[in-house]
Protein backbone atom coordinates (compact mmCIF):
# COMPACT_ATOMS: atom_id res chain seq x y z
CA LEU A 1 -9.25 -7.46 -80.65
CA LEU A 2 -6.03 -5.47 -81.02
CA GLY A 3 -7.27 -2.68 -83.24
CA GLU A 4 -9.86 -1.61 -85.74
CA THR A 5 -10.29 1.09 -88.34
CA LYS A 6 -13.01 1.93 -90.84
CA VAL A 7 -12.32 2.95 -94.44
CA SER A 8 -14.78 4.22 -97.01
CA GLU A 9 -13.98 1.66 -99.71
CA ARG A 10 -14.29 -2.10 -99.99
CA ILE A 11 -11.02 -3.87 -99.18
CA ASN A 12 -10.18 -6.66 -101.62
CA CYS A 13 -6.65 -7.67 -100.61
CA ALA A 14 -4.04 -7.01 -97.94
CA THR A 15 -0.39 -7.60 -97.10
CA PHE A 16 2.00 -6.26 -94.46
CA THR A 17 5.64 -5.61 -93.67
CA SER A 18 7.47 -7.42 -90.89
CA PHE A 19 10.41 -5.32 -89.76
CA ASN A 20 11.78 -5.56 -86.23
CA GLU A 21 9.23 -3.72 -84.07
CA GLY A 22 10.65 -0.74 -82.23
CA ILE A 23 13.34 -0.21 -84.85
CA CYS A 24 11.19 0.26 -87.93
CA ARG A 25 7.60 1.14 -88.69
CA ASN A 26 5.51 -1.76 -89.96
CA LEU A 27 2.67 -1.16 -92.36
CA VAL A 28 -0.48 -2.92 -93.48
CA VAL A 29 -1.10 -2.35 -97.20
CA LEU A 30 -4.66 -2.68 -98.47
CA GLY A 31 -5.90 -2.90 -102.06
CA THR A 32 -9.32 -1.36 -102.67
CA SER A 33 -12.23 -1.72 -105.06
CA SER A 34 -11.27 1.60 -106.70
CA GLY A 35 -7.70 0.48 -107.46
CA SER A 36 -6.08 2.52 -104.67
CA LEU A 37 -3.52 1.42 -102.08
CA LEU A 38 -4.10 2.29 -98.44
CA PHE A 39 -1.10 2.24 -96.09
CA LEU A 40 -1.95 1.79 -92.41
CA ASP A 41 0.37 1.88 -89.42
CA ALA A 42 0.49 -1.73 -88.19
CA TRP A 43 0.59 -0.62 -84.55
CA ASP A 44 -2.62 1.41 -84.34
CA LEU A 45 -4.13 0.99 -87.85
CA SER A 46 -4.09 4.74 -88.48
CA ILE A 47 -4.02 5.70 -92.17
CA VAL A 48 -0.51 6.75 -93.21
CA SER A 49 -1.07 7.29 -96.93
CA VAL A 50 -3.62 6.74 -99.69
CA GLU A 51 -2.22 6.28 -103.18
CA LYS A 52 -4.51 6.38 -106.22
CA GLY A 53 -4.01 3.78 -108.92
CA PRO A 54 -3.68 4.51 -112.66
CA SER A 55 -7.28 3.47 -113.24
CA SER A 56 -10.43 2.80 -111.28
CA THR A 57 -10.16 -0.96 -111.84
CA VAL A 58 -10.86 -3.23 -108.87
CA MET A 59 -7.60 -4.32 -107.21
CA SER A 60 -7.70 -8.05 -106.55
CA SER A 61 -4.21 -8.95 -105.30
CA LEU A 62 -0.99 -7.37 -104.07
CA THR A 63 2.40 -8.26 -102.67
CA ILE A 64 5.54 -6.52 -101.37
CA ASP A 65 9.05 -7.66 -102.32
CA GLU A 66 11.51 -8.96 -99.67
CA GLU A 67 13.37 -5.65 -99.44
CA TYR A 68 10.15 -3.59 -99.22
CA SER A 69 11.20 -1.51 -102.20
CA PHE A 70 8.12 -2.05 -104.36
CA VAL A 71 4.55 -3.26 -104.32
CA VAL A 72 2.96 -5.17 -107.20
CA SER A 73 -0.81 -5.11 -107.57
CA GLY A 74 -3.11 -7.07 -109.85
CA CYS A 75 -6.49 -5.81 -111.00
CA SER A 76 -9.65 -7.59 -112.10
CA ASP A 77 -9.27 -6.40 -115.72
CA GLY A 78 -5.82 -8.02 -116.03
CA THR A 79 -3.82 -4.84 -115.33
CA VAL A 80 -0.62 -5.35 -113.31
CA VAL A 81 0.93 -2.27 -111.68
CA GLN A 82 4.34 -1.97 -110.03
CA TRP A 83 4.49 0.72 -107.35
CA ASN A 84 7.90 2.07 -106.29
CA VAL A 85 8.20 2.77 -102.57
CA VAL A 86 10.05 6.09 -102.38
CA GLY A 87 12.26 6.99 -99.38
CA LYS A 88 11.91 3.53 -97.89
CA GLY A 89 15.24 3.20 -96.04
CA ASN A 90 14.84 0.28 -93.66
CA SER A 91 11.36 1.28 -92.61
CA MET A 92 9.57 2.34 -95.80
CA GLY A 93 10.28 5.83 -94.42
CA ASP A 94 7.90 8.46 -95.67
CA VAL A 95 5.52 6.44 -97.74
CA GLY A 96 5.40 7.81 -101.24
CA ILE A 97 4.39 5.77 -104.21
CA SER A 98 5.03 6.47 -107.84
CA ASN A 99 3.42 4.35 -110.52
CA LEU A 100 6.18 2.74 -112.58
CA GLY A 101 3.98 1.44 -115.34
CA ILE A 102 1.44 -1.08 -116.43
């Protein structure tokens, strides 16, 4: 076991970044049953940011593009949300998400 953390919501999906360790911060991104995104530090699994979705629909899938500039999430009611990663630089910088639309 390398690490463990406990969150208050059910986790439905997960993805992660894969930058060069030591140069950039890698993140684990979790999609929750309330439609929120949780960003965890991949090194110690500490929570970096929690971003609320546009609705309380259960998030069922998510992915990050190759350049780590946006996250796309799919919800159980058919809603698809594109999240813009603000201030990403080469390391997703200060994680800030703004909902671009549905």
